[in-house]
PDB file of N, CA and C in Angstrom:
ATOM      1  N   MET A   1      11.660 -19.281 -18.354  1.00  0.00           N
ATOM      2  CA  MET A   1      10.987 -18.026 -18.102  1.00  0.00           C
ATOM      3  C   MET A   1      12.025 -16.988 -17.706  1.00  0.00           C
ATOM      4  N   GLU A   2      11.823 -15.780 -18.160  1.00  0.00           N
ATOM      5  CA  GLU A   2      12.764 -14.705 -17.873  1.00  0.00           C
ATOM      6  C   GLU A   2      11.980 -13.497 -17.392  1.00  0.00           C
ATOM      7  N   PHE A   3      12.500 -12.833 -16.368  1.00  0.00           N
ATOM      8  CA  PHE A   3      11.882 -11.599 -15.920  1.00  0.00           C
ATOM      9  C   PHE A   3      12.970 -10.630 -15.489  1.00  0.00           C
ATOM     10  N   LYS A   4      12.648  -9.363 -15.509  1.00  0.00           N
ATOM     11  CA  LYS A   4      13.604  -8.322 -15.150  1.00  0.00           C
ATOM     12  C   LYS A   4      13.417  -7.981 -13.672  1.00  0.00           C
ATOM     13  N   ALA A   5      14.389  -8.356 -12.855  1.00  0.00           N
ATOM     14  CA  ALA A   5      14.291  -8.183 -11.405  1.00  0.00           C
ATOM     15  C   ALA A   5      14.112  -6.724 -11.008  1.00  0.00           C
ATOM     16  N   ASN A   6      14.650  -5.805 -11.788  1.00  0.00           N
ATOM     17  CA  ASN A   6      14.542  -4.377 -11.453  1.00  0.00           C
ATOM     18  C   ASN A   6      13.095  -3.892 -11.439  1.00  0.00           C
ATOM     19  N   ASP A   7      12.209  -4.640 -12.063  1.00  0.00           N
ATOM     20  CA  ASP A   7      10.803  -4.244 -12.129  1.00  0.00           C
ATOM     21  C   ASP A   7       9.990  -4.720 -10.927  1.00  0.00           C
ATOM     22  N   TYR A   8      10.623  -5.410  -9.986  1.00  0.00           N
ATOM     23  CA  TYR A   8       9.914  -6.002  -8.856  1.00  0.00           C
ATOM     24  C   TYR A   8      10.563  -5.613  -7.536  1.00  0.00           C
ATOM     25  N   LYS A   9       9.788  -5.689  -6.476  1.00  0.00           N
ATOM     26  CA  LYS A   9      10.315  -5.521  -5.123  1.00  0.00           C
ATOM     27  C   LYS A   9      10.983  -6.828  -4.714  1.00  0.00           C
ATOM     28  N   THR A  10      11.923  -6.760  -3.782  1.00  0.00           N
ATOM     29  CA  THR A  10      12.659  -7.967  -3.398  1.00  0.00           C
ATOM     30  C   THR A  10      11.739  -9.059  -2.853  1.00  0.00           C
ATOM     31  N   ASN A  11      10.714  -8.670  -2.112  1.00  0.00           N
ATOM     32  CA  ASN A  11       9.800  -9.686  -1.579  1.00  0.00           C
ATOM     33  C   ASN A  11       9.019 -10.369  -2.699  1.00  0.00           C
ATOM     34  N   GLU A  12       8.687  -9.625  -3.755  1.00  0.00           N
ATOM     35  CA  GLU A  12       7.966 -10.206  -4.888  1.00  0.00           C
ATOM     36  C   GLU A  12       8.839 -11.207  -5.640  1.00  0.00           C
ATOM     37  N   ILE A  13      10.130 -10.927  -5.714  1.00  0.00           N
ATOM     38  CA  ILE A  13      11.050 -11.824  -6.417  1.00  0.00           C
ATOM     39  C   ILE A  13      11.127 -13.166  -5.711  1.00  0.00           C
ATOM     40  N   LEU A  14      11.282 -13.132  -4.394  1.00  0.00           N
ATOM     41  CA  LEU A  14      11.362 -14.374  -3.615  1.00  0.00           C
ATOM     42  C   LEU A  14      10.101 -15.217  -3.816  1.00  0.00           C
ATOM     43  N   LYS A  15       8.946 -14.586  -3.716  1.00  0.00           N
ATOM     44  CA  LYS A  15       7.678 -15.303  -3.873  1.00  0.00           C
ATOM     45  C   LYS A  15       7.528 -15.836  -5.299  1.00  0.00           C
ATOM     46  N   PHE A  16       7.880 -15.026  -6.278  1.00  0.00           N
ATOM     47  CA  PHE A  16       7.794 -15.415  -7.685  1.00  0.00           C
ATOM     48  C   PHE A  16       8.631 -16.666  -7.953  1.00  0.00           C
ATOM     49  N   ILE A  17       9.865 -16.676  -7.464  1.00  0.00           N
ATOM     50  CA  ILE A  17      10.752 -17.818  -7.671  1.00  0.00           C
ATOM     51  C   ILE A  17      10.172 -19.060  -7.005  1.00  0.00           C
ATOM     52  N   ARG A  18       9.718 -18.923  -5.760  1.00  0.00           N
ATOM     53  CA  ARG A  18       9.162 -20.074  -5.030  1.00  0.00           C
ATOM     54  C   ARG A  18       7.929 -20.629  -5.735  1.00  0.00           C
ATOM     55  N   GLN A  19       7.014 -19.759  -6.110  1.00  0.00           N
ATOM     56  CA  GLN A  19       5.779 -20.218  -6.741  1.00  0.00           C
ATOM     57  C   GLN A  19       6.041 -20.873  -8.092  1.00  0.00           C
ATOM     58  N   ASN A  20       6.981 -20.329  -8.857  1.00  0.00           N
ATOM     59  CA  ASN A  20       7.289 -20.924 -10.149  1.00  0.00           C
ATOM     60  C   ASN A  20       8.005 -22.255 -10.033  1.00  0.00           C
ATOM     61  N   ALA A  21       8.586 -22.518  -8.866  1.00  0.00           N
ATOM     62  CA  ALA A  21       9.179 -23.830  -8.605  1.00  0.00           C
ATOM     63  C   ALA A  21       8.135 -24.784  -8.035  1.00  0.00           C
ATOM     64  N   ASP A  22       6.893 -24.299  -7.907  1.00  0.00           N
ATOM     65  CA  ASP A  22       5.777 -25.090  -7.376  1.00  0.00           C
ATOM     66  C   ASP A  22       6.096 -25.618  -5.978  1.00  0.00           C
ATOM     67  N   MET A  23       6.639 -24.731  -5.145  1.00  0.00           N
ATOM     68  CA  MET A  23       6.974 -25.094  -3.763  1.00  0.00           C
ATOM     69  C   MET A  23       6.102 -24.291  -2.804  1.00  0.00           C
ATOM     70  N   THR A  24       5.782 -24.901  -1.684  1.00  0.00           N
ATOM     71  CA  THR A  24       5.087 -24.180  -0.621  1.00  0.00           C
ATOM     72  C   THR A  24       6.119 -23.437   0.218  1.00  0.00           C
ATOM     73  N   GLN A  25       5.630 -22.527   1.039  1.00  0.00           N
ATOM     74  CA  GLN A  25       6.532 -21.829   1.958  1.00  0.00           C
ATOM     75  C   GLN A  25       7.216 -22.826   2.891  1.00  0.00           C
ATOM     76  N   GLU A  26       6.472 -23.821   3.322  1.00  0.00           N
ATOM     77  CA  GLU A  26       7.030 -24.837   4.221  1.00  0.00           C
ATOM     78  C   GLU A  26       8.155 -25.619   3.546  1.00  0.00           C
ATOM     79  N   GLN A  27       7.941 -26.000   2.297  1.00  0.00           N
ATOM     80  CA  GLN A  27       8.955 -26.766   1.572  1.00  0.00           C
ATOM     81  C   GLN A  27      10.229 -25.957   1.381  1.00  0.00           C
ATOM     82  N   LEU A  28      10.080 -24.697   0.991  1.00  0.00           N
ATOM     83  CA  LEU A  28      11.247 -23.854   0.792  1.00  0.00           C
ATOM     84  C   LEU A  28      11.979 -23.619   2.108  1.00  0.00           C
ATOM     85  N   ALA A  29      11.230 -23.360   3.163  1.00  0.00           N
ATOM     86  CA  ALA A  29      11.840 -23.143   4.474  1.00  0.00           C
ATOM     87  C   ALA A  29      12.657 -24.357   4.905  1.00  0.00           C
ATOM     88  N   LYS A  30      12.109 -25.533   4.686  1.00  0.00           N
ATOM     89  CA  LYS A  30      12.819 -26.761   5.060  1.00  0.00           C
ATOM     90  C   LYS A  30      14.121 -26.887   4.274  1.00  0.00           C
ATOM     91  N   GLU A  31      14.076 -26.622   2.984  1.00  0.00           N
ATOM     92  CA  GLU A  31      15.280 -26.709   2.142  1.00  0.00           C
ATOM     93  C   GLU A  31      16.329 -25.678   2.554  1.00  0.00           C
ATOM     94  N   LEU A  32      15.863 -24.498   2.966  1.00  0.00           N
ATOM     95  CA  LEU A  32      16.768 -23.428   3.379  1.00  0.00           C
ATOM     96  C   LEU A  32      17.265 -23.593   4.819  1.00  0.00           C
ATOM     97  N   LYS A  33      16.627 -24.525   5.536  1.00  0.00           N
ATOM     98  CA  LYS A  33      16.904 -24.703   6.967  1.00  0.00           C
ATOM     99  C   LYS A  33      16.561 -23.428   7.736  1.00  0.00           C
ATOM    100  N   LYS A  34      15.414 -22.876   7.373  1.00  0.00           N
ATOM    101  CA  LYS A  34      14.886 -21.684   8.031  1.00  0.00           C
ATOM    102  C   LYS A  34      13.437 -21.970   8.388  1.00  0.00           C
ATOM    103  N   SER A  35      12.833 -21.081   9.141  1.00  0.00           N
ATOM    104  CA  SER A  35      11.437 -21.278   9.542  1.00  0.00           C
ATOM    105  C   SER A  35      10.489 -20.841   8.423  1.00  0.00           C
ATOM    106  N   LYS A  36       9.269 -21.371   8.495  1.00  0.00           N
ATOM    107  CA  LYS A  36       8.238 -20.943   7.541  1.00  0.00           C
ATOM    108  C   LYS A  36       7.988 -19.452   7.721  1.00  0.00           C
ATOM    109  N   ASN A  37       8.052 -18.967   8.955  1.00  0.00           N
ATOM    110  CA  ASN A  37       7.849 -17.534   9.199  1.00  0.00           C
ATOM    111  C   ASN A  37       8.904 -16.688   8.511  1.00  0.00           C
ATOM    112  N   TRP A  38      10.137 -17.197   8.397  1.00  0.00           N
ATOM    113  CA  TRP A  38      11.185 -16.461   7.694  1.00  0.00           C
ATOM    114  C   TRP A  38      10.763 -16.248   6.247  1.00  0.00           C
ATOM    115  N   VAL A  39      10.291 -17.312   5.607  1.00  0.00           N
ATOM    116  CA  VAL A  39       9.846 -17.225   4.212  1.00  0.00           C
ATOM    117  C   VAL A  39       8.640 -16.295   4.113  1.00  0.00           C
ATOM    118  N   LYS A  40       7.655 -16.514   4.957  1.00  0.00           N
ATOM    119  CA  LYS A  40       6.424 -15.715   4.935  1.00  0.00           C
ATOM    120  C   LYS A  40       6.716 -14.232   5.142  1.00  0.00           C
ATOM    121  N   ASN A  41       7.509 -13.915   6.145  1.00  0.00           N
ATOM    122  CA  ASN A  41       7.818 -12.513   6.447  1.00  0.00           C
ATOM    123  C   ASN A  41       8.591 -11.840   5.314  1.00  0.00           C
ATOM    124  N   ASN A  42       9.500 -12.564   4.699  1.00  0.00           N
ATOM    125  CA  ASN A  42      10.240 -12.003   3.573  1.00  0.00           C
ATOM    126  C   ASN A  42       9.341 -11.809   2.359  1.00  0.00           C
ATOM    127  N   GLU A  43       8.440 -12.734   2.116  1.00  0.00           N
ATOM    128  CA  GLU A  43       7.527 -12.603   0.983  1.00  0.00           C
ATOM    129  C   GLU A  43       6.538 -11.461   1.194  1.00  0.00           C
ATOM    130  N   GLN A  44       6.247 -11.138   2.431  1.00  0.00           N
ATOM    131  CA  GLN A  44       5.328 -10.036   2.731  1.00  0.00           C
ATOM    132  C   GLN A  44       6.060  -8.696   2.824  1.00  0.00           C
ATOM    133  N   GLY A  45       7.374  -8.734   2.720  1.00  0.00           N
ATOM    134  CA  GLY A  45       8.154  -7.508   2.787  1.00  0.00           C
ATOM    135  C   GLY A  45       8.395  -7.006   4.192  1.00  0.00           C
ATOM    136  N   LEU A  46       8.143  -7.859   5.191  1.00  0.00           N
ATOM    137  CA  LEU A  46       8.338  -7.464   6.581  1.00  0.00           C
ATOM    138  C   LEU A  46       9.807  -7.519   6.988  1.00  0.00           C
ATOM    139  N   ASN A  47      10.557  -8.366   6.353  1.00  0.00           N
ATOM    140  CA  ASN A  47      11.997  -8.497   6.591  1.00  0.00           C
ATOM    141  C   ASN A  47      12.713  -8.337   5.256  1.00  0.00           C
ATOM    142  N   ARG A  48      14.004  -8.141   5.342  1.00  0.00           N
ATOM    143  CA  ARG A  48      14.834  -8.113   4.141  1.00  0.00           C
ATOM    144  C   ARG A  48      15.790  -9.290   4.200  1.00  0.00           C
ATOM    145  N   TYR A  49      15.913  -9.954   3.090  1.00  0.00           N
ATOM    146  CA  TYR A  49      16.838 -11.077   3.036  1.00  0.00           C
ATOM    147  C   TYR A  49      18.122 -10.641   2.366  1.00  0.00           C
ATOM    148  N   PHE A  50      19.181 -11.409   2.595  1.00  0.00           N
ATOM    149  CA  PHE A  50      20.487 -11.108   2.031  1.00  0.00           C
ATOM    150  C   PHE A  50      20.609 -11.727   0.640  1.00  0.00           C
ATOM    151  N   PHE A  51      21.517 -11.192  -0.155  1.00  0.00           N
ATOM    152  CA  PHE A  51      21.754 -11.726  -1.488  1.00  0.00           C
ATOM    153  C   PHE A  51      22.143 -13.203  -1.400  1.00  0.00           C
ATOM    154  N   GLU A  52      22.889 -13.551  -0.377  1.00  0.00           N
ATOM    155  CA  GLU A  52      23.267 -14.956  -0.158  1.00  0.00           C
ATOM    156  C   GLU A  52      22.024 -15.840  -0.052  1.00  0.00           C
ATOM    157  N   ASP A  53      20.986 -15.333   0.601  1.00  0.00           N
ATOM    158  CA  ASP A  53      19.728 -16.083   0.709  1.00  0.00           C
ATOM    159  C   ASP A  53      19.071 -16.244  -0.659  1.00  0.00           C
ATOM    160  N   LEU A  54      19.109 -15.196  -1.471  1.00  0.00           N
ATOM    161  CA  LEU A  54      18.536 -15.280  -2.809  1.00  0.00           C
ATOM    162  C   LEU A  54      19.266 -16.317  -3.647  1.00  0.00           C
ATOM    163  N   ILE A  55      20.582 -16.371  -3.526  1.00  0.00           N
ATOM    164  CA  ILE A  55      21.378 -17.382  -4.245  1.00  0.00           C
ATOM    165  C   ILE A  55      20.937 -18.784  -3.825  1.00  0.00           C
ATOM    166  N   LYS A  56      20.746 -18.983  -2.513  1.00  0.00           N
ATOM    167  CA  LYS A  56      20.307 -20.296  -2.018  1.00  0.00           C
ATOM    168  C   LYS A  56      18.928 -20.646  -2.568  1.00  0.00           C
ATOM    169  N   VAL A  57      18.012 -19.688  -2.550  1.00  0.00           N
ATOM    170  CA  VAL A  57      16.665 -19.920  -3.074  1.00  0.00           C
ATOM    171  C   VAL A  57      16.741 -20.276  -4.557  1.00  0.00           C
ATOM    172  N   ALA A  58      17.529 -19.537  -5.304  1.00  0.00           N
ATOM    173  CA  ALA A  58      17.673 -19.795  -6.741  1.00  0.00           C
ATOM    174  C   ALA A  58      18.214 -21.195  -6.991  1.00  0.00           C
ATOM    175  N   ASN A  59      19.199 -21.603  -6.217  1.00  0.00           N
ATOM    176  CA  ASN A  59      19.759 -22.946  -6.384  1.00  0.00           C
ATOM    177  C   ASN A  59      18.734 -24.022  -6.056  1.00  0.00           C
ATOM    178  N   ILE A  60      18.004 -23.838  -4.975  1.00  0.00           N
ATOM    179  CA  ILE A  60      16.984 -24.820  -4.579  1.00  0.00           C
ATOM    180  C   ILE A  60      15.879 -24.906  -5.623  1.00  0.00           C
ATOM    181  N   CYS A  61      15.504 -23.761  -6.184  1.00  0.00           N
ATOM    182  CA  CYS A  61      14.390 -23.704  -7.142  1.00  0.00           C
ATOM    183  C   CYS A  61      14.842 -23.856  -8.586  1.00  0.00           C
ATOM    184  N   ASN A  62      16.125 -24.163  -8.780  1.00  0.00           N
ATOM    185  CA  ASN A  62      16.676 -24.391 -10.113  1.00  0.00           C
ATOM    186  C   ASN A  62      16.499 -23.173 -11.031  1.00  0.00           C
ATOM    187  N   VAL A  63      16.885 -22.012 -10.493  1.00  0.00           N
ATOM    188  CA  VAL A  63      16.788 -20.755 -11.222  1.00  0.00           C
ATOM    189  C   VAL A  63      18.189 -20.171 -11.352  1.00  0.00           C
ATOM    190  N   ASP A  64      18.509 -19.675 -12.532  1.00  0.00           N
ATOM    191  CA  ASP A  64      19.792 -19.006 -12.749  1.00  0.00           C
ATOM    192  C   ASP A  64      19.627 -17.510 -12.527  1.00  0.00           C
ATOM    193  N   ILE A  65      20.583 -16.921 -11.836  1.00  0.00           N
ATOM    194  CA  ILE A  65      20.639 -15.475 -11.702  1.00  0.00           C
ATOM    195  C   ILE A  65      21.733 -15.004 -12.646  1.00  0.00           C
ATOM    196  N   ILE A  66      21.348 -14.170 -13.587  1.00  0.00           N
ATOM    197  CA  ILE A  66      22.275 -13.717 -14.622  1.00  0.00           C
ATOM    198  C   ILE A  66      22.372 -12.198 -14.548  1.00  0.00           C
ATOM    199  N   PHE A  67      23.590 -11.715 -14.512  1.00  0.00           N
ATOM    200  CA  PHE A  67      23.806 -10.276 -14.537  1.00  0.00           C
ATOM    201  C   PHE A  67      24.092  -9.869 -15.971  1.00  0.00           C
ATOM    202  N   LYS A  68      23.386  -8.852 -16.398  1.00  0.00           N
ATOM    203  CA  LYS A  68      23.483  -8.429 -17.781  1.00  0.00           C
ATOM    204  C   LYS A  68      23.758  -6.925 -17.809  1.00  0.00           C
ATOM    205  N   GLU A  69      24.727  -6.547 -18.591  1.00  0.00           N
ATOM    206  CA  GLU A  69      25.055  -5.130 -18.716  1.00  0.00           C
ATOM    207  C   GLU A  69      23.917  -4.407 -19.415  1.00  0.00           C
ATOM    208  N   ARG A  70      23.574  -3.251 -18.892  1.00  0.00           N
ATOM    209  CA  ARG A  70      22.536  -2.442 -19.531  1.00  0.00           C
ATOM    210  C   ARG A  70      23.090  -1.848 -20.811  1.00  0.00           C
ATOM    211  N   LYS A  71      22.235  -1.740 -21.808  1.00  0.00           N
ATOM    212  CA  LYS A  71      22.668  -1.180 -23.090  1.00  0.00           C
ATOM    213  C   LYS A  71      22.974   0.294 -22.977  1.00  0.00           C
ATOM    214  N   GLN A  72      22.207   1.009 -22.146  1.00  0.00           N
ATOM    215  CA  GLN A  72      22.439   2.433 -21.934  1.00  0.00           C
ATOM    216  C   GLN A  72      22.628   2.671 -20.447  1.00  0.00           C
ATOM    217  N   LYS A  73      23.539   3.520 -20.102  1.00  0.00           N
ATOM    218  CA  LYS A  73      23.729   3.881 -18.701  1.00  0.00           C
ATOM    219  C   LYS A  73      22.675   4.900 -18.326  1.00  0.00           C
ATOM    220  N   LEU A  74      22.162   4.751 -17.109  1.00  0.00           N
ATOM    221  CA  LEU A  74      21.161   5.687 -16.626  1.00  0.00           C
ATOM    222  C   LEU A  74      21.834   6.973 -16.163  1.00  0.00           C
ATOM    223  N   ASN A  75      21.227   8.108 -16.457  1.00  0.00           N
ATOM    224  CA  ASN A  75      21.732   9.392 -15.973  1.00  0.00           C
ATOM    225  C   ASN A  75      21.227   9.616 -14.560  1.00  0.00           C
ATOM    226  N   LYS A  76      22.147   9.854 -13.664  1.00  0.00           N
ATOM    227  CA  LYS A  76      21.732  10.078 -12.265  1.00  0.00           C
ATOM    228  C   LYS A  76      22.130  11.451 -11.826  1.00  0.00           C
TER     229      LYS A  76
END
């Protein structure tokens, strides 16, 4: 499965990855050595997680994070 991360909020990405790995918040928290509240709060957008945390989640959930160059540069 492939999705464009730019189309989602960071909390939605974390939840999407966890759910697609068929893991509960408790299971992911245990693997991350964090509390269930850490997972819950991040999925609700109450906290912000670090990129390092996303890498750990991706590894636990067997997801690859791939950086891809945009075909066109955005005008800012």
